[in-house]
Amino acid sequence: MTELNDKSTESTGREASELDVLVSSLRIKAGMINNCVKIAWGSETELMMKAAYALENAMPAFDLLQSRLENGARIEKQEFNWWLFDNNGEGICFGATIREMMLNLIFTDC
């Protein structure tokens, strides 16, 4: 796995995800380009495609969450998990992190 170039996962205490590694790789590559360091031909394009794909895949979770919240759902932290409850108080999904809860929301609604 690529070494991360920031402290984002240290502060949260979670393992680096593929998205964390992608963000770190983009920062490193941008720094190399900014400092006129030679990079492998096409390597920046590959990173840009991965970033576009990651953003595209993340959007449905935000759309689903917004729709649920507009219909009266609410988010609560209960002990060790974040929960999304519908307007009747029924649990829709949960996760140890909001990120995990949102991923679970995708699988719940699909």
C-alpha atoms as a PDB file:
ATOM      1  CA  MET A   1       0.000   0.000   0.000  1.00  0.00           C
ATOM      2  CA  THR A   2       1.188   3.515  -0.772  1.00  0.00           C
ATOM      3  CA  GLU A   3       2.476   5.435   2.225  1.00  0.00           C
ATOM      4  CA  LEU A   4       0.195   8.296   3.202  1.00  0.00           C
ATOM      5  CA  ASN A   5       1.621  11.788   3.113  1.00  0.00           C
ATOM      6  CA  ASP A   6      -0.721  13.347   5.672  1.00  0.00           C
ATOM      7  CA  LYS A   7      -2.065  12.801   9.160  1.00  0.00           C
ATOM      8  CA  SER A   8      -5.746  12.310   8.248  1.00  0.00           C
ATOM      9  CA  THR A   9      -5.959   8.688   9.361  1.00  0.00           C
ATOM     10  CA  GLU A  10      -3.805   9.201  12.471  1.00  0.00           C
ATOM     11  CA  SER A  11      -6.246  11.709  13.941  1.00  0.00           C
ATOM     12  CA  THR A  12      -9.259   9.458  13.379  1.00  0.00           C
ATOM     13  CA  GLY A  13      -7.572   6.224  14.449  1.00  0.00           C
ATOM     14  CA  ARG A  14      -8.881   4.339  11.421  1.00  0.00           C
ATOM     15  CA  GLU A  15      -7.020   2.399   8.777  1.00  0.00           C
ATOM     16  CA  ALA A  16      -6.268   4.088   5.489  1.00  0.00           C
ATOM     17  CA  SER A  17      -8.899   3.310   2.865  1.00  0.00           C
ATOM     18  CA  GLU A  18      -8.366   3.146  -0.889  1.00  0.00           C
ATOM     19  CA  LEU A  19      -9.738   6.687  -1.049  1.00  0.00           C
ATOM     20  CA  ASP A  20      -7.215   7.896   1.554  1.00  0.00           C
ATOM     21  CA  VAL A  21      -4.407   6.370  -0.502  1.00  0.00           C
ATOM     22  CA  LEU A  22      -5.777   7.976  -3.685  1.00  0.00           C
ATOM     23  CA  VAL A  23      -5.916  11.410  -2.029  1.00  0.00           C
ATOM     24  CA  SER A  24      -2.362  11.018  -0.774  1.00  0.00           C
ATOM     25  CA  SER A  25      -1.162   9.876  -4.208  1.00  0.00           C
ATOM     26  CA  LEU A  26      -2.825  12.871  -5.860  1.00  0.00           C
ATOM     27  CA  ARG A  27      -1.117  15.246  -3.420  1.00  0.00           C
ATOM     28  CA  ILE A  28       2.262  13.631  -3.993  1.00  0.00           C
ATOM     29  CA  LYS A  29       1.873  13.690  -7.790  1.00  0.00           C
ATOM     30  CA  ALA A  30       0.712  17.321  -7.747  1.00  0.00           C
ATOM     31  CA  GLY A  31       3.735  18.235  -5.644  1.00  0.00           C
ATOM     32  CA  MET A  32       6.045  16.453  -8.071  1.00  0.00           C
ATOM     33  CA  ILE A  33       4.510  18.270 -11.045  1.00  0.00           C
ATOM     34  CA  ASN A  34       4.619  21.591  -9.189  1.00  0.00           C
ATOM     35  CA  ASN A  35       8.318  21.071  -8.445  1.00  0.00           C
ATOM     36  CA  CYS A  36       9.085  20.044 -12.048  1.00  0.00           C
ATOM     37  CA  VAL A  37      10.037  16.495 -11.059  1.00  0.00           C
ATOM     38  CA  LYS A  38       9.923  14.040 -13.960  1.00  0.00           C
ATOM     39  CA  ILE A  39       7.008  11.667 -13.697  1.00  0.00           C
ATOM     40  CA  ALA A  40       6.133   8.573 -15.685  1.00  0.00           C
ATOM     41  CA  TRP A  41       4.217   9.448 -18.848  1.00  0.00           C
ATOM     42  CA  GLY A  42       0.479   9.060 -18.308  1.00  0.00           C
ATOM     43  CA  SER A  43       0.734   8.495 -14.547  1.00  0.00           C
ATOM     44  CA  GLU A  44      -1.103  11.736 -13.783  1.00  0.00           C
ATOM     45  CA  THR A  45      -3.900  10.753 -16.165  1.00  0.00           C
ATOM     46  CA  GLU A  46      -4.312   7.401 -14.433  1.00  0.00           C
ATOM     47  CA  LEU A  47      -4.635   9.162 -11.047  1.00  0.00           C
ATOM     48  CA  MET A  48      -7.154  11.635 -12.447  1.00  0.00           C
ATOM     49  CA  MET A  49      -9.285   8.773 -13.808  1.00  0.00           C
ATOM     50  CA  LYS A  50      -9.181   6.981 -10.440  1.00  0.00           C
ATOM     51  CA  ALA A  51     -10.161  10.220  -8.676  1.00  0.00           C
ATOM     52  CA  ALA A  52     -13.065  10.818 -11.064  1.00  0.00           C
ATOM     53  CA  TYR A  53     -14.269   7.245 -10.562  1.00  0.00           C
ATOM     54  CA  ALA A  54     -14.053   7.576  -6.759  1.00  0.00           C
ATOM     55  CA  LEU A  55     -16.020  10.848  -6.778  1.00  0.00           C
ATOM     56  CA  GLU A  56     -18.633   9.395  -9.104  1.00  0.00           C
ATOM     57  CA  ASN A  57     -19.113   6.399  -6.816  1.00  0.00           C
ATOM     58  CA  ALA A  58     -19.418   8.576  -3.692  1.00  0.00           C
ATOM     59  CA  MET A  59     -22.195  10.806  -5.026  1.00  0.00           C
ATOM     60  CA  PRO A  60     -25.108   8.341  -4.610  1.00  0.00           C
ATOM     61  CA  ALA A  61     -24.471   8.117  -0.853  1.00  0.00           C
ATOM     62  CA  PHE A  62     -24.811  11.891  -0.486  1.00  0.00           C
ATOM     63  CA  ASP A  63     -27.958  11.941  -2.635  1.00  0.00           C
ATOM     64  CA  LEU A  64     -29.542   9.118  -0.620  1.00  0.00           C
ATOM     65  CA  LEU A  65     -28.647  10.757   2.687  1.00  0.00           C
ATOM     66  CA  GLN A  66     -30.052  14.118   1.568  1.00  0.00           C
ATOM     67  CA  SER A  67     -33.289  12.471   0.430  1.00  0.00           C
ATOM     68  CA  ARG A  68     -33.677  10.630   3.728  1.00  0.00           C
ATOM     69  CA  LEU A  69     -32.959  13.775   5.771  1.00  0.00           C
ATOM     70  CA  GLU A  70     -35.433  15.819   3.713  1.00  0.00           C
ATOM     71  CA  ASN A  71     -38.051  13.174   4.557  1.00  0.00           C
ATOM     72  CA  GLY A  72     -37.527  13.580   8.300  1.00  0.00           C
ATOM     73  CA  ALA A  73     -34.692  11.138   9.009  1.00  0.00           C
ATOM     74  CA  ARG A  74     -32.083  12.052  11.598  1.00  0.00           C
ATOM     75  CA  ILE A  75     -28.537  10.994  12.458  1.00  0.00           C
ATOM     76  CA  GLU A  76     -27.587  10.103  16.030  1.00  0.00           C
ATOM     77  CA  LYS A  77     -24.486   8.777  17.729  1.00  0.00           C
ATOM     78  CA  GLN A  78     -25.403   5.905  20.064  1.00  0.00           C
ATOM     79  CA  GLU A  79     -22.570   4.390  22.066  1.00  0.00           C
ATOM     80  CA  PHE A  80     -20.106   3.198  19.399  1.00  0.00           C
ATOM     81  CA  ASN A  81     -22.142   3.684  16.208  1.00  0.00           C
ATOM     82  CA  TRP A  82     -23.670   6.420  14.097  1.00  0.00           C
ATOM     83  CA  TRP A  83     -27.305   5.643  13.265  1.00  0.00           C
ATOM     84  CA  LEU A  84     -29.663   6.970  10.621  1.00  0.00           C
ATOM     85  CA  PHE A  85     -33.258   6.809  11.862  1.00  0.00           C
ATOM     86  CA  ASP A  86     -36.367   7.416   9.786  1.00  0.00           C
ATOM     87  CA  ASN A  87     -39.049   9.886  10.901  1.00  0.00           C
ATOM     88  CA  ASN A  88     -40.745   7.094  12.930  1.00  0.00           C
ATOM     89  CA  GLY A  89     -37.568   6.332  14.888  1.00  0.00           C
ATOM     90  CA  GLU A  90     -36.861   3.075  13.041  1.00  0.00           C
ATOM     91  CA  GLY A  91     -33.198   2.398  12.327  1.00  0.00           C
ATOM     92  CA  ILE A  92     -32.316   2.573   8.650  1.00  0.00           C
ATOM     93  CA  CYS A  93     -28.593   1.829   8.868  1.00  0.00           C
ATOM     94  CA  PHE A  94     -25.569   2.382  11.087  1.00  0.00           C
ATOM     95  CA  GLY A  95     -21.794   2.365  11.066  1.00  0.00           C
ATOM     96  CA  ALA A  96     -18.843   2.892  13.355  1.00  0.00           C
ATOM     97  CA  THR A  97     -18.131   6.073  11.360  1.00  0.00           C
ATOM     98  CA  ILE A  98     -20.385   8.333   9.321  1.00  0.00           C
ATOM     99  CA  ARG A  99     -18.486   7.167   6.250  1.00  0.00           C
ATOM    100  CA  GLU A 100     -19.343   3.556   7.075  1.00  0.00           C
ATOM    101  CA  MET A 101     -22.956   4.499   7.813  1.00  0.00           C
ATOM    102  CA  MET A 102     -23.237   6.145   4.402  1.00  0.00           C
ATOM    103  CA  LEU A 103     -21.784   3.084   2.680  1.00  0.00           C
ATOM    104  CA  ASN A 104     -24.329   0.937   4.483  1.00  0.00           C
ATOM    105  CA  LEU A 105     -27.068   3.332   3.347  1.00  0.00           C
ATOM    106  CA  ILE A 106     -26.205   2.602  -0.267  1.00  0.00           C
ATOM    107  CA  PHE A 107     -26.645  -1.133   0.309  1.00  0.00           C
ATOM    108  CA  THR A 108     -29.855  -0.552   2.293  1.00  0.00           C
ATOM    109  CA  ASP A 109     -31.490   1.528  -0.451  1.00  0.00           C
ATOM    110  CA  CYS A 110     -30.310  -0.504  -3.440  1.00  0.00           C
END
